[in-house]
Amino acid sequence: MKIIPIGVVGCLLLALAACGSPGGASSSGTTGASPRAAAVLTSCGLPLRVTSPPRRAVSMEQNATEIMLTLGLADRMAGTAYRTDPVLDELKSDYAKVPVLADQYPGREALLAANPDFVYSMRASAYAPDAGGTRQDLAKLGVPAYLSFNDCEDRALIPASVSFDAIFAEIGDIAKIFGVEDRGRSVVADLRRRLETAKATARIGTKVDLMWYYSGTKAPAIAGRGGLPGTITTLLGAGNAFSDIAQQWAEGDWETIAQRDPDVIVLADLTRGGDGDSAEAKKAFLRSDPVASKLTAVKNDRFIVVPGSAMDPSIRSVSAVEQVGKGLQDLYG
């Protein structure tokens, strides 16, 4: 989750660009009928041609890793990197089979030393010159590199809001690249079924405003309407206390948050160990801070906890809908 200050929005809030939003990477078809025919796509504005299903792929951060593992591709992976949360329980045994190239992003030399034939990241920062190198440079070396719709290098290519259709389309792209389309369709069908069930059962009969709180204490990162939290809030029939902010994430101050006084605070549970990262650290701060402790949600212990990685578009996105929906039902149902 990345936060970049871009200017003041509303009362004392700085609007920040962050994790991106949907629609940047889209499939434009696969040539030929054979599973080993070239896959031709467009990824965040750049053409991407994969001549045969990769055998030595590298995932550059956790959400990309979990999509690949969910598609059953552990034996096609030469490396992974940048794990931010415990891997999903059902993927742990497969994850253990994949070499970890770096705690965060591997540098260009370390990446190329793995002899990759495909690289996948959901973060543009993975392709920075001081990280794995640009996608254009990797392409010149014969290594196709896919970047998620959610964080294109060209911010103009990032749509204004995240859609689940875009998430599912990306899973389909990766399945197509690896020639496992049937598996991709099965994964997406299951996610769609769960999403529809969550939408049908989680709505509540009262108006509730949420605040999605990602990290930090002095200048907390909170969700605007542009990212996955905004999409989930709308799906569940709730309100976003900061829906006037178009960007995905904003750096706020507690005086302004107190003016909005959200009914419920959705806490990201992060394992990085930074200021206000874990859900428990956030709760401890909220209960002790002179301003935050007076919030209605804090006084009434109205918290819903979601893994930090589930607040970005990923294989976990539907589970975030389920968790927040259940939390609202427990509080108000």
Protein backbone atom coordinates (compact mmCIF):
# COMPACT_ATOMS: atom_id res chain seq x y z
CA MET A 1 0.00 0.00 0.00
CA LYS A 2 1.60 3.21 -1.19
CA ILE A 3 0.70 6.78 -0.25
CA ILE A 4 1.91 9.80 -2.22
CA PRO A 5 0.85 13.31 -1.14
CA ILE A 6 -0.78 15.28 -3.93
CA GLY A 7 -2.61 18.20 -2.29
CA VAL A 8 -5.20 19.40 0.22
CA VAL A 9 -8.74 18.00 0.06
CA GLY A 10 -11.55 19.12 2.42
CA CYS A 11 -11.00 20.32 5.96
CA LEU A 12 -7.35 19.71 6.77
CA LEU A 13 -7.11 16.49 4.73
CA LEU A 14 -4.31 15.93 2.23
CA ALA A 15 -5.45 13.83 -0.73
CA LEU A 16 -2.95 11.17 -1.59
CA ALA A 17 -2.54 8.77 -4.49
CA ALA A 18 -1.96 5.25 -3.22
CA CYS A 19 -2.63 1.75 -4.21
CA GLY A 20 -4.08 2.62 -7.62
CA SER A 21 -7.39 1.49 -9.00
CA PRO A 22 -8.83 -0.93 -11.53
CA GLY A 23 -8.83 -1.40 -15.24
CA GLY A 24 -5.22 -0.73 -16.31
CA ALA A 25 -4.29 -4.25 -17.42
CA SER A 26 -6.65 -5.94 -19.83
CA SER A 27 -6.53 -8.93 -22.08
CA SER A 28 -6.73 -8.35 -25.77
CA GLY A 29 -6.86 -11.99 -26.72
CA THR A 30 -4.82 -15.11 -27.24
CA THR A 31 -3.64 -16.17 -30.67
CA GLY A 32 -4.21 -19.75 -31.81
CA ALA A 33 -6.16 -22.57 -30.18
CA SER A 34 -3.34 -24.42 -28.43
CA PRO A 35 -2.71 -23.70 -24.72
CA ARG A 36 0.90 -23.08 -25.71
CA ALA A 37 0.07 -20.44 -28.31
CA ALA A 38 1.29 -16.93 -27.61
CA ALA A 39 -0.78 -14.85 -25.20
CA VAL A 40 -1.06 -11.26 -26.39
CA LEU A 41 -2.29 -8.71 -23.86
CA THR A 42 -2.03 -5.09 -22.87
CA SER A 43 -0.79 -4.44 -19.35
CA CYS A 44 -1.02 -0.87 -18.03
CA GLY A 45 -0.65 0.55 -21.50
CA LEU A 46 2.23 -1.63 -22.66
CA PRO A 47 1.92 -4.58 -25.06
CA LEU A 48 2.72 -7.92 -23.49
CA ARG A 49 3.45 -11.05 -25.51
CA VAL A 50 4.13 -14.37 -23.80
CA THR A 51 5.09 -16.91 -26.44
CA SER A 52 4.63 -19.99 -24.24
CA PRO A 53 3.42 -20.67 -20.70
CA PRO A 54 6.15 -19.52 -18.28
CA ARG A 55 8.18 -22.10 -16.39
CA ARG A 56 10.31 -19.76 -14.23
CA ALA A 57 8.01 -16.94 -13.17
CA VAL A 58 8.79 -14.47 -10.39
CA SER A 59 6.12 -12.72 -8.32
CA MET A 60 7.32 -9.45 -6.88
CA GLU A 61 4.92 -9.01 -3.95
CA GLN A 62 2.40 -10.94 -1.91
CA ASN A 63 -0.86 -10.31 -3.70
CA ALA A 64 0.67 -11.39 -7.03
CA THR A 65 2.14 -14.42 -5.28
CA GLU A 66 -1.22 -15.47 -3.84
CA ILE A 67 -2.99 -15.16 -7.18
CA MET A 68 -0.38 -17.40 -8.81
CA LEU A 69 -0.48 -19.94 -5.99
CA THR A 70 -4.30 -20.01 -6.08
CA LEU A 71 -4.04 -20.85 -9.78
CA GLY A 72 -1.82 -23.82 -8.87
CA LEU A 73 1.39 -22.37 -10.31
CA ALA A 74 3.89 -23.05 -7.50
CA ASP A 75 5.85 -25.44 -9.72
CA ARG A 76 6.17 -22.69 -12.37
CA MET A 77 7.71 -20.15 -9.98
CA ALA A 78 11.43 -19.43 -9.73
CA GLY A 79 10.98 -16.92 -6.93
CA THR A 80 8.82 -14.61 -4.89
CA ALA A 81 9.37 -11.50 -2.79
CA TYR A 82 7.87 -8.86 -0.48
CA ARG A 83 5.57 -10.81 1.84
CA THR A 84 3.65 -8.31 3.97
CA ASP A 85 1.24 -10.62 5.83
CA PRO A 86 1.10 -14.30 6.73
CA VAL A 87 0.29 -16.25 3.58
CA LEU A 88 -3.25 -17.62 3.35
CA ASP A 89 -3.47 -20.92 5.23
CA GLU A 90 -4.54 -22.88 2.17
CA LEU A 91 -1.48 -21.63 0.25
CA LYS A 92 1.23 -22.09 2.88
CA SER A 93 2.48 -25.49 1.70
CA ASP A 94 2.79 -24.29 -1.89
CA TYR A 95 4.39 -21.02 -0.79
CA ALA A 96 7.07 -22.98 1.06
CA LYS A 97 8.16 -24.54 -2.25
CA VAL A 98 9.00 -21.18 -3.86
CA PRO A 99 12.40 -19.52 -3.27
CA VAL A 100 12.21 -16.14 -1.55
CA LEU A 101 14.44 -13.74 -3.49
CA ALA A 102 14.26 -10.80 -1.08
CA ASP A 103 12.43 -9.56 2.00
CA GLN A 104 11.21 -6.64 -0.10
CA TYR A 105 11.83 -6.13 -3.83
CA PRO A 106 14.85 -7.90 -5.31
CA GLY A 107 17.24 -5.68 -7.21
CA ARG A 108 17.70 -6.13 -10.93
CA GLU A 109 20.72 -8.42 -10.54
CA ALA A 110 18.99 -10.64 -7.99
CA LEU A 111 15.88 -10.82 -10.16
CA LEU A 112 17.80 -11.74 -13.30
CA ALA A 113 19.89 -14.28 -11.37
CA ALA A 114 16.67 -16.29 -10.93
CA ASN A 115 16.55 -16.57 -14.75
CA PRO A 116 12.87 -15.55 -14.94
CA ASP A 117 10.77 -15.99 -18.05
CA PHE A 118 7.89 -13.89 -16.65
CA VAL A 119 7.55 -11.30 -13.88
CA TYR A 120 4.31 -10.27 -12.18
CA SER A 121 3.65 -7.46 -9.74
CA MET A 122 0.60 -5.58 -8.53
CA ARG A 123 2.81 -2.61 -7.63
CA ALA A 124 4.60 -0.27 -10.05
CA SER A 125 7.34 0.21 -7.45
CA ALA A 126 8.52 -3.34 -8.17
CA TYR A 127 9.61 -2.11 -11.60
CA ALA A 128 11.49 0.96 -10.41
CA PRO A 129 15.06 1.29 -11.72
CA ASP A 130 16.40 0.64 -8.20
CA ALA A 131 14.18 -2.44 -7.82
CA GLY A 132 13.60 -5.04 -10.52
CA GLY A 133 14.06 -2.60 -13.39
CA THR A 134 11.49 -1.13 -15.76
CA ARG A 135 9.13 -3.33 -17.70
CA GLN A 136 10.53 -1.92 -20.93
CA ASP A 137 14.07 -2.95 -19.95
CA LEU A 138 12.93 -6.42 -18.92
CA ALA A 139 11.14 -6.81 -22.25
CA LYS A 140 14.37 -5.98 -24.08
CA LEU A 141 15.93 -8.90 -22.21
CA GLY A 142 13.11 -11.19 -23.34
CA VAL A 143 11.34 -11.19 -19.96
CA PRO A 144 7.66 -10.15 -20.24
CA ALA A 145 6.49 -8.27 -17.13
CA TYR A 146 2.85 -7.84 -16.11
CA LEU A 147 1.65 -4.97 -13.93
CA SER A 148 -1.74 -4.89 -12.26
CA PHE A 149 -4.43 -2.46 -13.35
CA ASN A 150 -4.34 -1.16 -9.81
CA ASP A 151 -1.01 0.68 -9.94
CA CYS A 152 0.01 1.65 -13.48
CA GLU A 153 3.16 3.73 -13.88
CA ASP A 154 1.08 6.21 -15.87
CA ARG A 155 -1.46 7.33 -13.29
CA ALA A 156 -3.80 8.47 -16.05
CA LEU A 157 -4.39 4.81 -16.91
CA ILE A 158 -5.73 4.03 -13.44
CA PRO A 159 -9.55 4.15 -13.39
CA ALA A 160 -11.39 6.23 -10.83
CA SER A 161 -12.67 3.25 -8.83
CA VAL A 162 -11.95 -0.42 -8.27
CA SER A 163 -14.35 -2.97 -9.71
CA PHE A 164 -14.48 -6.65 -8.90
CA ASP A 165 -14.80 -7.33 -12.61
CA ALA A 166 -11.33 -5.81 -13.07
CA ILE A 167 -9.91 -8.01 -10.31
CA PHE A 168 -11.46 -11.10 -11.87
CA ALA A 169 -10.22 -10.08 -15.33
CA GLU A 170 -6.67 -9.88 -13.99
CA ILE A 171 -6.93 -13.37 -12.53
CA GLY A 172 -8.13 -14.47 -15.97
CA ASP A 173 -5.14 -12.77 -17.63
CA ILE A 174 -2.67 -14.63 -15.43
CA ALA A 175 -4.50 -17.91 -16.03
CA LYS A 176 -4.36 -17.28 -19.80
CA ILE A 177 -0.63 -16.49 -19.72
CA PHE A 178 0.05 -19.81 -17.99
CA GLY A 179 -2.39 -21.85 -20.06
CA VAL A 180 -4.59 -22.70 -17.06
CA GLU A 181 -7.78 -21.02 -18.24
CA ASP A 182 -10.05 -23.71 -16.78
CA ARG A 183 -8.51 -23.22 -13.36
CA GLY A 184 -8.88 -19.46 -13.74
CA ARG A 185 -12.55 -19.75 -14.61
CA SER A 186 -13.13 -22.01 -11.63
CA VAL A 187 -11.39 -19.61 -9.24
CA VAL A 188 -13.33 -16.62 -10.57
CA ALA A 189 -16.65 -18.48 -10.49
CA ASP A 190 -16.13 -19.33 -6.83
CA LEU A 191 -15.19 -15.73 -6.01
CA ARG A 192 -18.27 -14.43 -7.84
CA ARG A 193 -20.51 -16.84 -5.94
CA ARG A 194 -19.05 -15.75 -2.60
CA LEU A 195 -19.34 -12.09 -3.54
CA GLU A 196 -23.02 -12.40 -4.44
CA THR A 197 -23.71 -14.27 -1.20
CA ALA A 198 -21.91 -11.62 0.84
CA LYS A 199 -23.81 -8.80 -0.89
CA ALA A 200 -27.14 -10.55 -0.35
CA THR A 201 -26.67 -11.33 3.33
CA ALA A 202 -24.58 -8.49 4.74
CA ARG A 203 -26.73 -5.41 4.20
CA ILE A 204 -28.10 -3.76 7.32
CA GLY A 205 -31.22 -1.71 7.84
CA THR A 206 -29.60 1.43 9.19
CA LYS A 207 -27.32 4.11 7.74
CA VAL A 208 -23.76 3.56 8.93
CA ASP A 209 -20.67 5.58 8.01
CA LEU A 210 -17.35 3.72 7.92
CA MET A 211 -13.79 4.95 8.22
CA TRP A 212 -11.16 2.63 6.74
CA TYR A 213 -7.92 3.10 8.70
CA TYR A 214 -4.83 1.63 7.08
CA SER A 215 -1.75 2.78 9.00
CA GLY A 216 -0.02 5.54 10.93
CA THR A 217 -1.06 7.42 14.04
CA LYS A 218 0.11 11.03 13.67
CA ALA A 219 -1.15 11.25 10.08
CA PRO A 220 -3.43 8.21 9.62
CA ALA A 221 -3.96 6.79 6.16
CA ILE A 222 -7.71 6.60 5.56
CA ALA A 223 -9.70 5.49 2.52
CA GLY A 224 -11.37 7.84 0.08
CA ARG A 225 -13.88 6.64 -2.49
CA GLY A 226 -11.45 5.65 -5.24
CA GLY A 227 -10.10 2.33 -3.98
CA LEU A 228 -11.29 -1.10 -2.96
CA PRO A 229 -12.59 0.07 0.46
CA GLY A 230 -14.85 2.55 -1.31
CA THR A 231 -16.18 -0.19 -3.58
CA ILE A 232 -16.81 -2.55 -0.65
CA THR A 233 -18.56 0.18 1.32
CA THR A 234 -20.97 0.82 -1.55
CA LEU A 235 -21.61 -2.89 -2.12
CA LEU A 236 -22.62 -3.32 1.50
CA GLY A 237 -24.96 -0.34 1.48
CA ALA A 238 -22.90 1.63 4.00
CA GLY A 239 -21.47 5.13 3.77
CA ASN A 240 -17.87 6.31 3.66
CA ALA A 241 -17.14 9.13 6.09
CA PHE A 242 -14.58 10.40 3.57
CA SER A 243 -16.42 9.84 0.31
CA ASP A 244 -15.63 13.42 -0.74
CA ILE A 245 -12.01 12.37 -1.34
CA ALA A 246 -11.65 10.96 -4.85
CA GLN A 247 -8.28 9.33 -4.27
CA GLN A 248 -7.91 5.85 -2.86
CA TRP A 249 -6.18 6.91 0.35
CA ALA A 250 -5.81 10.17 2.25
CA GLU A 251 -3.50 11.31 5.00
CA GLY A 252 -5.77 12.75 7.65
CA ASP A 253 -5.67 14.48 11.03
CA TRP A 254 -7.66 13.50 14.09
CA GLU A 255 -9.42 16.85 14.50
CA THR A 256 -11.00 16.48 11.05
CA ILE A 257 -11.79 12.81 11.68
CA ALA A 258 -13.50 13.85 14.93
CA GLN A 259 -15.68 16.25 12.94
CA ARG A 260 -16.77 13.41 10.65
CA ASP A 261 -17.15 11.04 13.66
CA PRO A 262 -17.58 7.71 11.81
CA ASP A 263 -19.91 5.08 13.22
CA VAL A 264 -17.52 2.17 12.59
CA ILE A 265 -13.76 2.01 12.02
CA VAL A 266 -12.40 -0.74 9.77
CA LEU A 267 -8.84 -1.49 10.88
CA ALA A 268 -6.13 -2.90 8.63
CA ASP A 269 -4.14 -5.55 10.48
CA LEU A 270 -0.56 -5.24 9.18
CA THR A 271 2.43 -7.30 10.30
CA ARG A 272 5.18 -4.90 9.16
CA GLY A 273 5.77 -3.55 12.66
CA GLY A 274 5.49 0.14 11.77
CA ASP A 275 3.69 2.91 13.62
CA GLY A 276 0.06 1.92 14.02
CA ASP A 277 0.38 -1.09 11.74
CA SER A 278 -1.29 -3.90 13.65
CA ALA A 279 -4.97 -3.75 14.55
CA GLU A 280 -4.13 -3.99 18.24
CA ALA A 281 -1.67 -1.09 17.96
CA LYS A 282 -4.38 0.98 16.29
CA LYS A 283 -6.90 0.15 19.01
CA ALA A 284 -4.39 1.03 21.74
CA PHE A 285 -3.68 4.37 20.11
CA LEU A 286 -7.34 5.19 19.48
CA ARG A 287 -8.25 4.47 23.10
CA SER A 288 -5.42 6.57 24.51
CA ASP A 289 -5.29 9.58 22.20
CA PRO A 290 -7.10 12.62 23.66
CA VAL A 291 -8.97 13.33 20.41
CA ALA A 292 -9.41 9.87 18.89
CA SER A 293 -10.67 8.38 22.15
CA LYS A 294 -13.75 10.62 21.93
CA LEU A 295 -14.88 9.18 18.57
CA THR A 296 -18.24 7.43 18.69
CA ALA A 297 -16.79 4.27 17.16
CA VAL A 298 -14.00 4.15 19.75
CA LYS A 299 -16.24 4.81 22.73
CA ASN A 300 -18.62 2.06 21.56
CA ASP A 301 -15.87 -0.38 20.54
CA ARG A 302 -17.16 -0.51 16.97
CA PHE A 303 -14.15 -1.97 15.18
CA ILE A 304 -13.93 -4.40 12.27
CA VAL A 305 -10.52 -5.94 11.57
CA VAL A 306 -9.37 -6.89 8.04
CA PRO A 307 -5.89 -8.07 6.97
CA GLY A 308 -3.97 -5.18 5.44
CA SER A 309 -3.39 -7.00 2.15
CA ALA A 310 -7.17 -7.49 1.79
CA MET A 311 -7.61 -3.73 1.43
CA ASP A 312 -5.83 -3.86 -1.94
CA PRO A 313 -7.33 -5.59 -4.99
CA SER A 314 -6.25 -9.24 -4.73
CA ILE A 315 -7.41 -12.81 -4.30
CA ARG A 316 -8.46 -11.67 -0.79
CA SER A 317 -10.83 -8.91 -1.94
CA VAL A 318 -13.99 -10.99 -1.64
CA SER A 319 -13.00 -12.11 1.85
CA ALA A 320 -12.78 -8.43 2.80
CA VAL A 321 -16.43 -8.02 1.72
CA GLU A 322 -17.34 -11.07 3.79
CA GLN A 323 -15.43 -9.88 6.86
CA VAL A 324 -16.76 -6.33 6.83
CA GLY A 325 -20.27 -7.55 6.09
CA LYS A 326 -20.16 -9.98 9.00
CA GLY A 327 -18.74 -7.28 11.23
CA LEU A 328 -21.62 -4.95 10.38
CA GLN A 329 -24.12 -7.73 10.99
CA ASP A 330 -22.54 -8.42 14.39
CA LEU A 331 -22.70 -4.73 15.31
CA TYR A 332 -26.11 -3.82 13.88
CA GLY A 333 -27.85 -6.98 12.70
